[in-house]
Amino acid sequence: MWAKIFMAAGGCGGCAGVVLGALQTHTLATRVDGDGLATLSTASDYLLVHGLLLVAIAMGLRAAPAAFSLRLAGTLIMLGMICFCGGLTISALGGGAWAAIAPLGGIGLIAGWLTLAVYGSTGPRA
């Protein structure tokens, strides 16, 4: 079940990264200032990279479905993507109270990477 969730989330994250990059380049280029476009570019890049990471985690879970640290890493990465990239996008498009969630998402991404490092150093039984 977890592998399917992370595979789907990774695919959706990658798709969102491509769509956001296209919007930034074609539609929003004349409507958002330079700083906002740079922020959207960062969000797009992070969606693409972390979408691929979720796909890799899903593949790892197919080989080791009981690996708690892989499930935890995937969950942290998935929530981090939503909060960080969502917060950046909201911030670039005009702000709002939800833009403040980006730092929390960044912490989630960092924690997910560190959890993945723990899994890598302790093996598939972690």
PDB file of N, CA and C in Angstrom:
ATOM      1  N   MET A   1       0.823  -1.193   0.000  1.00  0.00           N
ATOM      2  CA  MET A   1       0.000   0.000   0.000  1.00  0.00           C
ATOM      3  C   MET A   1       0.870   1.262   0.000  1.00  0.00           C
ATOM      4  N   TRP A   2       1.902   1.312   0.877  1.00  0.00           N
ATOM      5  CA  TRP A   2       2.741   2.498   0.963  1.00  0.00           C
ATOM      6  C   TRP A   2       3.484   2.743  -0.339  1.00  0.00           C
ATOM      7  N   ALA A   3       3.936   1.672  -0.974  1.00  0.00           N
ATOM      8  CA  ALA A   3       4.659   1.833  -2.239  1.00  0.00           C
ATOM      9  C   ALA A   3       3.759   2.490  -3.284  1.00  0.00           C
ATOM     10  N   LYS A   4       2.511   2.080  -3.327  1.00  0.00           N
ATOM     11  CA  LYS A   4       1.566   2.671  -4.290  1.00  0.00           C
ATOM     12  C   LYS A   4       1.317   4.146  -3.987  1.00  0.00           C
ATOM     13  N   ILE A   5       1.176   4.462  -2.702  1.00  0.00           N
ATOM     14  CA  ILE A   5       0.937   5.857  -2.312  1.00  0.00           C
ATOM     15  C   ILE A   5       2.118   6.735  -2.730  1.00  0.00           C
ATOM     16  N   PHE A   6       3.340   6.278  -2.418  1.00  0.00           N
ATOM     17  CA  PHE A   6       4.513   7.086  -2.731  1.00  0.00           C
ATOM     18  C   PHE A   6       4.766   7.148  -4.235  1.00  0.00           C
ATOM     19  N   MET A   7       4.468   6.077  -4.957  1.00  0.00           N
ATOM     20  CA  MET A   7       4.626   6.100  -6.413  1.00  0.00           C
ATOM     21  C   MET A   7       3.649   7.111  -7.026  1.00  0.00           C
ATOM     22  N   ALA A   8       2.401   7.079  -6.561  1.00  0.00           N
ATOM     23  CA  ALA A   8       1.402   8.026  -7.073  1.00  0.00           C
ATOM     24  C   ALA A   8       1.770   9.461  -6.704  1.00  0.00           C
ATOM     25  N   ALA A   9       2.199   9.667  -5.462  1.00  0.00           N
ATOM     26  CA  ALA A   9       2.580  11.015  -5.025  1.00  0.00           C
ATOM     27  C   ALA A   9       3.797  11.510  -5.796  1.00  0.00           C
ATOM     28  N   GLY A  10       4.739  10.623  -6.055  1.00  0.00           N
ATOM     29  CA  GLY A  10       5.916  10.998  -6.845  1.00  0.00           C
ATOM     30  C   GLY A  10       5.540  11.385  -8.266  1.00  0.00           C
ATOM     31  N   GLY A  11       4.643  10.617  -8.869  1.00  0.00           N
ATOM     32  CA  GLY A  11       4.175  10.954 -10.210  1.00  0.00           C
ATOM     33  C   GLY A  11       3.430  12.277 -10.237  1.00  0.00           C
ATOM     34  N   CYS A  12       2.596  12.503  -9.244  1.00  0.00           N
ATOM     35  CA  CYS A  12       1.860  13.772  -9.163  1.00  0.00           C
ATOM     36  C   CYS A  12       2.810  14.943  -8.902  1.00  0.00           C
ATOM     37  N   GLY A  13       3.813  14.722  -8.038  1.00  0.00           N
ATOM     38  CA  GLY A  13       4.794  15.771  -7.774  1.00  0.00           C
ATOM     39  C   GLY A  13       5.588  16.128  -9.014  1.00  0.00           C
ATOM     40  N   GLY A  14       6.021  15.118  -9.759  1.00  0.00           N
ATOM     41  CA  GLY A  14       6.744  15.377 -11.003  1.00  0.00           C
ATOM     42  C   GLY A  14       5.881  16.114 -12.011  1.00  0.00           C
ATOM     43  N   CYS A  15       4.640  15.687 -12.129  1.00  0.00           N
ATOM     44  CA  CYS A  15       3.705  16.357 -13.040  1.00  0.00           C
ATOM     45  C   CYS A  15       3.503  17.807 -12.627  1.00  0.00           C
ATOM     46  N   ALA A  16       3.312  18.041 -11.334  1.00  0.00           N
ATOM     47  CA  ALA A  16       3.123  19.407 -10.838  1.00  0.00           C
ATOM     48  C   ALA A  16       4.355  20.262 -11.097  1.00  0.00           C
ATOM     49  N   GLY A  17       5.543  19.658 -10.983  1.00  0.00           N
ATOM     50  CA  GLY A  17       6.776  20.392 -11.267  1.00  0.00           C
ATOM     51  C   GLY A  17       6.864  20.829 -12.717  1.00  0.00           C
ATOM     52  N   VAL A  18       6.482  19.945 -13.628  1.00  0.00           N
ATOM     53  CA  VAL A  18       6.494  20.286 -15.052  1.00  0.00           C
ATOM     54  C   VAL A  18       5.452  21.357 -15.355  1.00  0.00           C
ATOM     55  N   VAL A  19       4.256  21.190 -14.815  1.00  0.00           N
ATOM     56  CA  VAL A  19       3.190  22.173 -15.054  1.00  0.00           C
ATOM     57  C   VAL A  19       3.579  23.539 -14.484  1.00  0.00           C
ATOM     58  N   LEU A  20       4.111  23.552 -13.273  1.00  0.00           N
ATOM     59  CA  LEU A  20       4.510  24.819 -12.662  1.00  0.00           C
ATOM     60  C   LEU A  20       5.629  25.482 -13.460  1.00  0.00           C
ATOM     61  N   GLY A  21       6.578  24.692 -13.939  1.00  0.00           N
ATOM     62  CA  GLY A  21       7.643  25.242 -14.771  1.00  0.00           C
ATOM     63  C   GLY A  21       7.112  25.829 -16.069  1.00  0.00           C
ATOM     64  N   ALA A  22       6.150  25.151 -16.677  1.00  0.00           N
ATOM     65  CA  ALA A  22       5.562  25.659 -17.917  1.00  0.00           C
ATOM     66  C   ALA A  22       4.764  26.940 -17.659  1.00  0.00           C
ATOM     67  N   LEU A  23       4.001  26.950 -16.591  1.00  0.00           N
ATOM     68  CA  LEU A  23       3.241  28.157 -16.249  1.00  0.00           C
ATOM     69  C   LEU A  23       4.176  29.329 -15.975  1.00  0.00           C
ATOM     70  N   GLN A  24       5.241  29.047 -15.254  1.00  0.00           N
ATOM     71  CA  GLN A  24       6.209  30.092 -14.921  1.00  0.00           C
ATOM     72  C   GLN A  24       6.823  30.680 -16.188  1.00  0.00           C
ATOM     73  N   THR A  25       7.140  29.842 -17.128  1.00  0.00           N
ATOM     74  CA  THR A  25       7.808  30.290 -18.352  1.00  0.00           C
ATOM     75  C   THR A  25       6.850  30.962 -19.329  1.00  0.00           C
ATOM     76  N   HIS A  26       5.660  30.425 -19.467  1.00  0.00           N
ATOM     77  CA  HIS A  26       4.771  30.889 -20.532  1.00  0.00           C
ATOM     78  C   HIS A  26       3.657  31.819 -20.068  1.00  0.00           C
ATOM     79  N   THR A  27       2.985  31.476 -19.005  1.00  0.00           N
ATOM     80  CA  THR A  27       1.793  32.228 -18.604  1.00  0.00           C
ATOM     81  C   THR A  27       2.092  33.297 -17.564  1.00  0.00           C
ATOM     82  N   LEU A  28       2.901  32.964 -16.582  1.00  0.00           N
ATOM     83  CA  LEU A  28       3.104  33.874 -15.463  1.00  0.00           C
ATOM     84  C   LEU A  28       4.284  34.828 -15.665  1.00  0.00           C
ATOM     85  N   ALA A  29       5.036  34.664 -16.743  1.00  0.00           N
ATOM     86  CA  ALA A  29       6.237  35.480 -16.961  1.00  0.00           C
ATOM     87  C   ALA A  29       5.927  36.969 -17.012  1.00  0.00           C
ATOM     88  N   THR A  30       4.759  37.330 -17.481  1.00  0.00           N
ATOM     89  CA  THR A  30       4.400  38.747 -17.570  1.00  0.00           C
ATOM     90  C   THR A  30       3.540  39.206 -16.388  1.00  0.00           C
ATOM     91  N   ARG A  31       3.163  38.282 -15.510  1.00  0.00           N
ATOM     92  CA  ARG A  31       2.258  38.623 -14.413  1.00  0.00           C
ATOM     93  C   ARG A  31       2.912  38.580 -13.040  1.00  0.00           C
ATOM     94  N   VAL A  32       4.101  38.002 -12.964  1.00  0.00           N
ATOM     95  CA  VAL A  32       4.794  37.856 -11.687  1.00  0.00           C
ATOM     96  C   VAL A  32       6.158  38.511 -11.820  1.00  0.00           C
ATOM     97  N   ASP A  33       6.624  39.190 -10.768  1.00  0.00           N
ATOM     98  CA  ASP A  33       7.921  39.866 -10.822  1.00  0.00           C
ATOM     99  C   ASP A  33       9.069  38.850 -10.830  1.00  0.00           C
ATOM    100  N   GLY A  34      10.273  39.330 -11.006  1.00  0.00           N
ATOM    101  CA  GLY A  34      11.449  38.470 -11.113  1.00  0.00           C
ATOM    102  C   GLY A  34      11.678  37.592  -9.894  1.00  0.00           C
ATOM    103  N   ASP A  35      11.502  38.165  -8.703  1.00  0.00           N
ATOM    104  CA  ASP A  35      11.658  37.373  -7.486  1.00  0.00           C
ATOM    105  C   ASP A  35      10.615  36.260  -7.413  1.00  0.00           C
ATOM    106  N   GLY A  36       9.399  36.585  -7.791  1.00  0.00           N
ATOM    107  CA  GLY A  36       8.335  35.582  -7.793  1.00  0.00           C
ATOM    108  C   GLY A  36       8.606  34.467  -8.781  1.00  0.00           C
ATOM    109  N   LEU A  37       9.127  34.818  -9.964  1.00  0.00           N
ATOM    110  CA  LEU A  37       9.464  33.798 -10.955  1.00  0.00           C
ATOM    111  C   LEU A  37      10.588  32.894 -10.451  1.00  0.00           C
ATOM    112  N   ALA A  38      11.571  33.474  -9.775  1.00  0.00           N
ATOM    113  CA  ALA A  38      12.655  32.669  -9.209  1.00  0.00           C
ATOM    114  C   ALA A  38      12.117  31.727  -8.134  1.00  0.00           C
ATOM    115  N   THR A  39      11.178  32.205  -7.343  1.00  0.00           N
ATOM    116  CA  THR A  39      10.567  31.373  -6.307  1.00  0.00           C
ATOM    117  C   THR A  39       9.784  30.224  -6.929  1.00  0.00           C
ATOM    118  N   LEU A  40       9.049  30.506  -8.001  1.00  0.00           N
ATOM    119  CA  LEU A  40       8.312  29.450  -8.705  1.00  0.00           C
ATOM    120  C   LEU A  40       9.267  28.430  -9.322  1.00  0.00           C
ATOM    121  N   SER A  41      10.387  28.904  -9.822  1.00  0.00           N
ATOM    122  CA  SER A  41      11.388  27.997 -10.377  1.00  0.00           C
ATOM    123  C   SER A  41      11.924  27.055  -9.302  1.00  0.00           C
ATOM    124  N   THR A  42      12.164  27.590  -8.115  1.00  0.00           N
ATOM    125  CA  THR A  42      12.629  26.760  -7.002  1.00  0.00           C
ATOM    126  C   THR A  42      11.580  25.713  -6.650  1.00  0.00           C
ATOM    127  N   ALA A  43      10.329  26.119  -6.567  1.00  0.00           N
ATOM    128  CA  ALA A  43       9.250  25.178  -6.247  1.00  0.00           C
ATOM    129  C   ALA A  43       9.169  24.085  -7.311  1.00  0.00           C
ATOM    130  N   SER A  44       9.268  24.465  -8.568  1.00  0.00           N
ATOM    131  CA  SER A  44       9.219  23.494  -9.660  1.00  0.00           C
ATOM    132  C   SER A  44      10.369  22.500  -9.560  1.00  0.00           C
ATOM    133  N   ASP A  45      11.567  23.005  -9.320  1.00  0.00           N
ATOM    134  CA  ASP A  45      12.742  22.131  -9.203  1.00  0.00           C
ATOM    135  C   ASP A  45      12.581  21.154  -8.041  1.00  0.00           C
ATOM    136  N   TYR A  46      12.121  21.659  -6.910  1.00  0.00           N
ATOM    137  CA  TYR A  46      11.964  20.799  -5.732  1.00  0.00           C
ATOM    138  C   TYR A  46      10.885  19.736  -5.968  1.00  0.00           C
ATOM    139  N   LEU A  47       9.822  20.089  -6.659  1.00  0.00           N
ATOM    140  CA  LEU A  47       8.791  19.103  -6.972  1.00  0.00           C
ATOM    141  C   LEU A  47       9.350  17.992  -7.852  1.00  0.00           C
ATOM    142  N   LEU A  48      10.136  18.365  -8.843  1.00  0.00           N
ATOM    143  CA  LEU A  48      10.707  17.354  -9.736  1.00  0.00           C
ATOM    144  C   LEU A  48      11.674  16.429  -9.003  1.00  0.00           C
ATOM    145  N   VAL A  49      12.594  17.010  -8.249  1.00  0.00           N
ATOM    146  CA  VAL A  49      13.597  16.208  -7.542  1.00  0.00           C
ATOM    147  C   VAL A  49      12.941  15.298  -6.503  1.00  0.00           C
ATOM    148  N   HIS A  50      12.047  15.857  -5.713  1.00  0.00           N
ATOM    149  CA  HIS A  50      11.454  15.062  -4.643  1.00  0.00           C
ATOM    150  C   HIS A  50      10.384  14.102  -5.162  1.00  0.00           C
ATOM    151  N   GLY A  51       9.791  14.422  -6.309  1.00  0.00           N
ATOM    152  CA  GLY A  51       8.906  13.450  -6.952  1.00  0.00           C
ATOM    153  C   GLY A  51       9.679  12.198  -7.343  1.00  0.00           C
ATOM    154  N   LEU A  52      10.862  12.390  -7.914  1.00  0.00           N
ATOM    155  CA  LEU A  52      11.713  11.249  -8.249  1.00  0.00           C
ATOM    156  C   LEU A  52      12.149  10.496  -6.996  1.00  0.00           C
ATOM    157  N   LEU A  53      12.441  11.223  -5.938  1.00  0.00           N
ATOM    158  CA  LEU A  53      12.824  10.574  -4.685  1.00  0.00           C
ATOM    159  C   LEU A  53      11.690   9.692  -4.163  1.00  0.00           C
ATOM    160  N   LEU A  54      10.464  10.168  -4.247  1.00  0.00           N
ATOM    161  CA  LEU A  54       9.334   9.350  -3.801  1.00  0.00           C
ATOM    162  C   LEU A  54       9.188   8.090  -4.649  1.00  0.00           C
ATOM    163  N   VAL A  55       9.448   8.194  -5.943  1.00  0.00           N
ATOM    164  CA  VAL A  55       9.417   7.007  -6.805  1.00  0.00           C
ATOM    165  C   VAL A  55      10.496   6.013  -6.354  1.00  0.00           C
ATOM    166  N   ALA A  56      11.694   6.522  -6.041  1.00  0.00           N
ATOM    167  CA  ALA A  56      12.771   5.647  -5.571  1.00  0.00           C
ATOM    168  C   ALA A  56      12.411   4.996  -4.236  1.00  0.00           C
ATOM    169  N   ILE A  57      11.803   5.747  -3.350  1.00  0.00           N
ATOM    170  CA  ILE A  57      11.369   5.188  -2.061  1.00  0.00           C
ATOM    171  C   ILE A  57      10.316   4.108  -2.292  1.00  0.00           C
ATOM    172  N   ALA A  58       9.403   4.348  -3.213  1.00  0.00           N
ATOM    173  CA  ALA A  58       8.384   3.344  -3.539  1.00  0.00           C
ATOM    174  C   ALA A  58       9.038   2.060  -4.047  1.00  0.00           C
ATOM    175  N   MET A  59      10.040   2.202  -4.876  1.00  0.00           N
ATOM    176  CA  MET A  59      10.751   1.022  -5.382  1.00  0.00           C
ATOM    177  C   MET A  59      11.449   0.291  -4.234  1.00  0.00           C
ATOM    178  N   GLY A  60      12.043   1.050  -3.315  1.00  0.00           N
ATOM    179  CA  GLY A  60      12.678   0.436  -2.156  1.00  0.00           C
ATOM    180  C   GLY A  60      11.686  -0.310  -1.282  1.00  0.00           C
ATOM    181  N   LEU A  61      10.499   0.253  -1.149  1.00  0.00           N
ATOM    182  CA  LEU A  61       9.472  -0.405  -0.336  1.00  0.00           C
ATOM    183  C   LEU A  61       8.954  -1.682  -0.979  1.00  0.00           C
ATOM    184  N   ARG A  62       9.043  -1.770  -2.284  1.00  0.00           N
ATOM    185  CA  ARG A  62       8.645  -3.022  -2.931  1.00  0.00           C
ATOM    186  C   ARG A  62       9.620  -4.135  -2.577  1.00  0.00           C
ATOM    187  N   ALA A  63      10.883  -3.773  -2.379  1.00  0.00           N
ATOM    188  CA  ALA A  63      11.893  -4.767  -1.994  1.00  0.00           C
ATOM    189  C   ALA A  63      11.879  -5.026  -0.489  1.00  0.00           C
ATOM    190  N   ALA A  64      11.541  -4.022   0.300  1.00  0.00           N
ATOM    191  CA  ALA A  64      11.543  -4.150   1.764  1.00  0.00           C
ATOM    192  C   ALA A  64      10.279  -3.506   2.329  1.00  0.00           C
ATOM    193  N   PRO A  65       9.115  -4.162   2.150  1.00  0.00           N
ATOM    194  CA  PRO A  65       7.847  -3.529   2.534  1.00  0.00           C
ATOM    195  C   PRO A  65       7.687  -3.257   4.022  1.00  0.00           C
ATOM    196  N   ALA A  66       8.468  -3.904   4.867  1.00  0.00           N
ATOM    197  CA  ALA A  66       8.332  -3.692   6.306  1.00  0.00           C
ATOM    198  C   ALA A  66       9.260  -2.602   6.838  1.00  0.00           C
ATOM    199  N   ALA A  67      10.010  -1.939   5.975  1.00  0.00           N
ATOM    200  CA  ALA A  67      10.998  -0.945   6.406  1.00  0.00           C
ATOM    201  C   ALA A  67      10.298   0.320   6.906  1.00  0.00           C
ATOM    202  N   PHE A  68      10.216   0.445   8.218  1.00  0.00           N
ATOM    203  CA  PHE A  68       9.541   1.596   8.823  1.00  0.00           C
ATOM    204  C   PHE A  68      10.210   2.903   8.421  1.00  0.00           C
ATOM    205  N   SER A  69      11.547   2.933   8.427  1.00  0.00           N
ATOM    206  CA  SER A  69      12.234   4.194   8.127  1.00  0.00           C
ATOM    207  C   SER A  69      11.995   4.630   6.686  1.00  0.00           C
ATOM    208  N   LEU A  70      11.796   3.700   5.776  1.00  0.00           N
ATOM    209  CA  LEU A  70      11.441   4.086   4.407  1.00  0.00           C
ATOM    210  C   LEU A  70      10.042   4.690   4.353  1.00  0.00           C
ATOM    211  N   ARG A  71       9.125   4.089   5.067  1.00  0.00           N
ATOM    212  CA  ARG A  71       7.762   4.639   5.112  1.00  0.00           C
ATOM    213  C   ARG A  71       7.765   6.022   5.758  1.00  0.00           C
ATOM    214  N   LEU A  72       8.535   6.182   6.820  1.00  0.00           N
ATOM    215  CA  LEU A  72       8.628   7.483   7.484  1.00  0.00           C
ATOM    216  C   LEU A  72       9.275   8.516   6.567  1.00  0.00           C
ATOM    217  N   ALA A  73      10.352   8.131   5.900  1.00  0.00           N
ATOM    218  CA  ALA A  73      11.021   9.057   4.977  1.00  0.00           C
ATOM    219  C   ALA A  73      10.069   9.496   3.869  1.00  0.00           C
ATOM    220  N   GLY A  74       9.341   8.551   3.297  1.00  0.00           N
ATOM    221  CA  GLY A  74       8.393   8.884   2.238  1.00  0.00           C
ATOM    222  C   GLY A  74       7.297   9.821   2.713  1.00  0.00           C
ATOM    223  N   THR A  75       6.798   9.575   3.903  1.00  0.00           N
ATOM    224  CA  THR A  75       5.748  10.426   4.467  1.00  0.00           C
ATOM    225  C   THR A  75       6.267  11.840   4.701  1.00  0.00           C
ATOM    226  N   LEU A  76       7.468  11.942   5.276  1.00  0.00           N
ATOM    227  CA  LEU A  76       8.052  13.268   5.524  1.00  0.00           C
ATOM    228  C   LEU A  76       8.315  14.005   4.211  1.00  0.00           C
ATOM    229  N   ILE A  77       8.837  13.305   3.223  1.00  0.00           N
ATOM    230  CA  ILE A  77       9.106  13.921   1.920  1.00  0.00           C
ATOM    231  C   ILE A  77       7.803  14.382   1.271  1.00  0.00           C
ATOM    232  N   MET A  78       6.796  13.526   1.310  1.00  0.00           N
ATOM    233  CA  MET A  78       5.519  13.871   0.683  1.00  0.00           C
ATOM    234  C   MET A  78       4.884  15.097   1.343  1.00  0.00           C
ATOM    235  N   LEU A  79       4.834  15.102   2.652  1.00  0.00           N
ATOM    236  CA  LEU A  79       4.264  16.259   3.358  1.00  0.00           C
ATOM    237  C   LEU A  79       5.146  17.499   3.178  1.00  0.00           C
ATOM    238  N   GLY A  80       6.455  17.292   3.181  1.00  0.00           N
ATOM    239  CA  GLY A  80       7.379  18.401   2.957  1.00  0.00           C
ATOM    240  C   GLY A  80       7.190  19.035   1.590  1.00  0.00           C
ATOM    241  N   MET A  81       6.993  18.202   0.575  1.00  0.00           N
ATOM    242  CA  MET A  81       6.749  18.730  -0.780  1.00  0.00           C
ATOM    243  C   MET A  81       5.500  19.603  -0.813  1.00  0.00           C
ATOM    244  N   ILE A  82       4.457  19.101  -0.204  1.00  0.00           N
ATOM    245  CA  ILE A  82       3.195  19.845  -0.222  1.00  0.00           C
ATOM    246  C   ILE A  82       3.358  21.187   0.481  1.00  0.00           C
ATOM    247  N   CYS A  83       3.935  21.158   1.679  1.00  0.00           N
ATOM    248  CA  CYS A  83       4.058  22.396   2.463  1.00  0.00           C
ATOM    249  C   CYS A  83       5.090  23.355   1.876  1.00  0.00           C
ATOM    250  N   PHE A  84       6.268  22.841   1.533  1.00  0.00           N
ATOM    251  CA  PHE A  84       7.331  23.717   1.045  1.00  0.00           C
ATOM    252  C   PHE A  84       6.988  24.286  -0.334  1.00  0.00           C
ATOM    253  N   CYS A  85       6.686  23.411  -1.270  1.00  0.00           N
ATOM    254  CA  CYS A  85       6.411  23.888  -2.629  1.00  0.00           C
ATOM    255  C   CYS A  85       5.099  24.652  -2.705  1.00  0.00           C
ATOM    256  N   GLY A  86       4.119  24.200  -1.937  1.00  0.00           N
ATOM    257  CA  GLY A  86       2.856  24.939  -1.882  1.00  0.00           C
ATOM    258  C   GLY A  86       3.041  26.319  -1.284  1.00  0.00           C
ATOM    259  N   GLY A  87       3.802  26.395  -0.196  1.00  0.00           N
ATOM    260  CA  GLY A  87       4.070  27.689   0.434  1.00  0.00           C
ATOM    261  C   GLY A  87       4.832  28.630  -0.486  1.00  0.00           C
ATOM    262  N   LEU A  88       5.831  28.095  -1.187  1.00  0.00           N
ATOM    263  CA  LEU A  88       6.581  28.938  -2.128  1.00  0.00           C
ATOM    264  C   LEU A  88       5.681  29.445  -3.248  1.00  0.00           C
ATOM    265  N   THR A  89       4.843  28.569  -3.763  1.00  0.00           N
ATOM    266  CA  THR A  89       3.950  28.958  -4.865  1.00  0.00           C
ATOM    267  C   THR A  89       2.960  30.022  -4.399  1.00  0.00           C
ATOM    268  N   ILE A  90       2.386  29.821  -3.244  1.00  0.00           N
ATOM    269  CA  ILE A  90       1.451  30.816  -2.705  1.00  0.00           C
ATOM    270  C   ILE A  90       2.163  32.148  -2.494  1.00  0.00           C
ATOM    271  N   SER A  91       3.370  32.081  -1.955  1.00  0.00           N
ATOM    272  CA  SER A  91       4.151  33.299  -1.723  1.00  0.00           C
ATOM    273  C   SER A  91       4.430  34.034  -3.039  1.00  0.00           C
ATOM    274  N   ALA A  92       4.815  33.301  -4.064  1.00  0.00           N
ATOM    275  CA  ALA A  92       5.133  33.919  -5.355  1.00  0.00           C
ATOM    276  C   ALA A  92       3.908  34.521  -6.029  1.00  0.00           C
ATOM    277  N   LEU A  93       2.753  33.957  -5.761  1.00  0.00           N
ATOM    278  CA  LEU A  93       1.529  34.423  -6.422  1.00  0.00           C
ATOM    279  C   LEU A  93       0.760  35.448  -5.607  1.00  0.00           C
ATOM    280  N   GLY A  94       1.361  35.961  -4.557  1.00  0.00           N
ATOM    281  CA  GLY A  94       0.693  37.030  -3.838  1.00  0.00           C
ATOM    282  C   GLY A  94       0.655  36.887  -2.345  1.00  0.00           C
ATOM    283  N   GLY A  95       1.207  35.813  -1.845  1.00  0.00           N
ATOM    284  CA  GLY A  95       1.288  35.691  -0.399  1.00  0.00           C
ATOM    285  C   GLY A  95       0.080  35.058   0.227  1.00  0.00           C
ATOM    286  N   GLY A  96      -0.311  35.573   1.331  1.00  0.00           N
ATOM    287  CA  GLY A  96      -1.386  34.976   2.096  1.00  0.00           C
ATOM    288  C   GLY A  96      -0.806  34.235   3.285  1.00  0.00           C
ATOM    289  N   ALA A  97      -1.648  33.920   4.217  1.00  0.00           N
ATOM    290  CA  ALA A  97      -1.208  33.286   5.458  1.00  0.00           C
ATOM    291  C   ALA A  97      -0.590  31.912   5.225  1.00  0.00           C
ATOM    292  N   TRP A  98      -1.028  31.200   4.187  1.00  0.00           N
ATOM    293  CA  TRP A  98      -0.525  29.859   3.939  1.00  0.00           C
ATOM    294  C   TRP A  98       0.920  29.859   3.456  1.00  0.00           C
ATOM    295  N   ALA A  99       1.431  30.987   2.988  1.00  0.00           N
ATOM    296  CA  ALA A  99       2.814  31.043   2.529  1.00  0.00           C
ATOM    297  C   ALA A  99       3.789  30.756   3.662  1.00  0.00           C
ATOM    298  N   ALA A 100       3.376  31.018   4.892  1.00  0.00           N
ATOM    299  CA  ALA A 100       4.246  30.808   6.053  1.00  0.00           C
ATOM    300  C   ALA A 100       4.488  29.338   6.355  1.00  0.00           C
ATOM    301  N   ILE A 101       3.821  28.432   5.654  1.00  0.00           N
ATOM    302  CA  ILE A 101       4.000  27.005   5.904  1.00  0.00           C
ATOM    303  C   ILE A 101       5.252  26.451   5.208  1.00  0.00           C
ATOM    304  N   ALA A 102       5.856  27.229   4.318  1.00  0.00           N
ATOM    305  CA  ALA A 102       7.025  26.760   3.576  1.00  0.00           C
ATOM    306  C   ALA A 102       8.182  26.312   4.478  1.00  0.00           C
ATOM    307  N   PRO A 103       8.542  27.066   5.521  1.00  0.00           N
ATOM    308  CA  PRO A 103       9.640  26.592   6.369  1.00  0.00           C
ATOM    309  C   PRO A 103       9.353  25.243   7.045  1.00  0.00           C
ATOM    310  N   LEU A 104       8.110  25.015   7.430  1.00  0.00           N
ATOM    311  CA  LEU A 104       7.743  23.730   8.009  1.00  0.00           C
ATOM    312  C   LEU A 104       7.940  22.612   6.981  1.00  0.00           C
ATOM    313  N   GLY A 105       7.575  22.899   5.740  1.00  0.00           N
ATOM    314  CA  GLY A 105       7.792  21.925   4.674  1.00  0.00           C
ATOM    315  C   GLY A 105       9.269  21.651   4.441  1.00  0.00           C
ATOM    316  N   GLY A 106      10.078  22.698   4.537  1.00  0.00           N
ATOM    317  CA  GLY A 106      11.520  22.518   4.394  1.00  0.00           C
ATOM    318  C   GLY A 106      12.085  21.621   5.480  1.00  0.00           C
ATOM    319  N   ILE A 107      11.586  21.787   6.688  1.00  0.00           N
ATOM    320  CA  ILE A 107      12.011  20.923   7.792  1.00  0.00           C
ATOM    321  C   ILE A 107      11.598  19.479   7.514  1.00  0.00           C
ATOM    322  N   GLY A 108      10.407  19.303   6.966  1.00  0.00           N
ATOM    323  CA  GLY A 108       9.950  17.958   6.602  1.00  0.00           C
ATOM    324  C   GLY A 108      10.841  17.318   5.549  1.00  0.00           C
ATOM    325  N   LEU A 109      11.247  18.101   4.551  1.00  0.00           N
ATOM    326  CA  LEU A 109      12.147  17.569   3.515  1.00  0.00           C
ATOM    327  C   LEU A 109      13.492  17.173   4.109  1.00  0.00           C
ATOM    328  N   ILE A 110      14.036  18.030   4.952  1.00  0.00           N
ATOM    329  CA  ILE A 110      15.322  17.726   5.599  1.00  0.00           C
ATOM    330  C   ILE A 110      15.198  16.459   6.443  1.00  0.00           C
ATOM    331  N   ALA A 111      14.138  16.372   7.230  1.00  0.00           N
ATOM    332  CA  ALA A 111      13.932  15.197   8.077  1.00  0.00           C
ATOM    333  C   ALA A 111      13.761  13.934   7.236  1.00  0.00           C
ATOM    334  N   GLY A 112      13.086  14.060   6.099  1.00  0.00           N
ATOM    335  CA  GLY A 112      12.920  12.913   5.207  1.00  0.00           C
ATOM    336  C   GLY A 112      14.244  12.421   4.654  1.00  0.00           C
ATOM    337  N   TRP A 113      15.095  13.346   4.232  1.00  0.00           N
ATOM    338  CA  TRP A 113      16.420  12.968   3.736  1.00  0.00           C
ATOM    339  C   TRP A 113      17.245  12.314   4.842  1.00  0.00           C
ATOM    340  N   LEU A 114      17.190  12.871   6.042  1.00  0.00           N
ATOM    341  CA  LEU A 114      17.946  12.292   7.160  1.00  0.00           C
ATOM    342  C   LEU A 114      17.421  10.903   7.525  1.00  0.00           C
ATOM    343  N   THR A 115      16.122  10.719   7.475  1.00  0.00           N
ATOM    344  CA  THR A 115      15.536   9.411   7.739  1.00  0.00           C
ATOM    345  C   THR A 115      15.980   8.407   6.691  1.00  0.00           C
ATOM    346  N   LEU A 116      16.066   8.860   5.453  1.00  0.00           N
ATOM    347  CA  LEU A 116      16.564   7.992   4.387  1.00  0.00           C
ATOM    348  C   LEU A 116      18.031   7.622   4.634  1.00  0.00           C
ATOM    349  N   ALA A 117      18.806   8.567   5.151  1.00  0.00           N
ATOM    350  CA  ALA A 117      20.206   8.285   5.485  1.00  0.00           C
ATOM    351  C   ALA A 117      20.293   7.245   6.606  1.00  0.00           C
ATOM    352  N   VAL A 118      19.396   7.338   7.584  1.00  0.00           N
ATOM    353  CA  VAL A 118      19.367   6.336   8.660  1.00  0.00           C
ATOM    354  C   VAL A 118      19.064   4.969   8.076  1.00  0.00           C
ATOM    355  N   TYR A 119      18.087   4.900   7.194  1.00  0.00           N
ATOM    356  CA  TYR A 119      17.750   3.621   6.545  1.00  0.00           C
ATOM    357  C   TYR A 119      18.965   3.076   5.798  1.00  0.00           C
ATOM    358  N   GLY A 120      19.651   3.954   5.092  1.00  0.00           N
ATOM    359  CA  GLY A 120      20.814   3.510   4.324  1.00  0.00           C
ATOM    360  C   GLY A 120      21.944   3.011   5.204  1.00  0.00           C
ATOM    361  N   SER A 121      22.072   3.553   6.400  1.00  0.00           N
ATOM    362  CA  SER A 121      23.179   3.156   7.270  1.00  0.00           C
ATOM    363  C   SER A 121      22.841   1.962   8.165  1.00  0.00           C
ATOM    364  N   THR A 122      21.540   1.681   8.327  1.00  0.00           N
ATOM    365  CA  THR A 122      21.165   0.578   9.207  1.00  0.00           C
ATOM    366  C   THR A 122      20.643  -0.643   8.456  1.00  0.00           C
ATOM    367  N   GLY A 123      20.313  -0.476   7.204  1.00  0.00           N
ATOM    368  CA  GLY A 123      19.847  -1.610   6.422  1.00  0.00           C
ATOM    369  C   GLY A 123      18.343  -1.707   6.344  1.00  0.00           C
ATOM    370  N   PRO A 124      17.861  -2.705   5.614  1.00  0.00           N
ATOM    371  CA  PRO A 124      16.428  -2.826   5.350  1.00  0.00           C
ATOM    372  C   PRO A 124      15.568  -3.190   6.556  1.00  0.00           C
ATOM    373  N   ARG A 125      16.168  -3.507   7.697  1.00  0.00           N
ATOM    374  CA  ARG A 125      15.363  -3.851   8.868  1.00  0.00           C
ATOM    375  C   ARG A 125      15.052  -2.641   9.733  1.00  0.00           C
ATOM    376  N   ALA A 126      15.524  -1.446   9.318  1.00  0.00           N
ATOM    377  CA  ALA A 126      15.304  -0.240  10.125  1.00  0.00           C
ATOM    378  C   ALA A 126      13.900   0.272   9.991  1.00  0.00           C
TER     379      ALA A 126
END
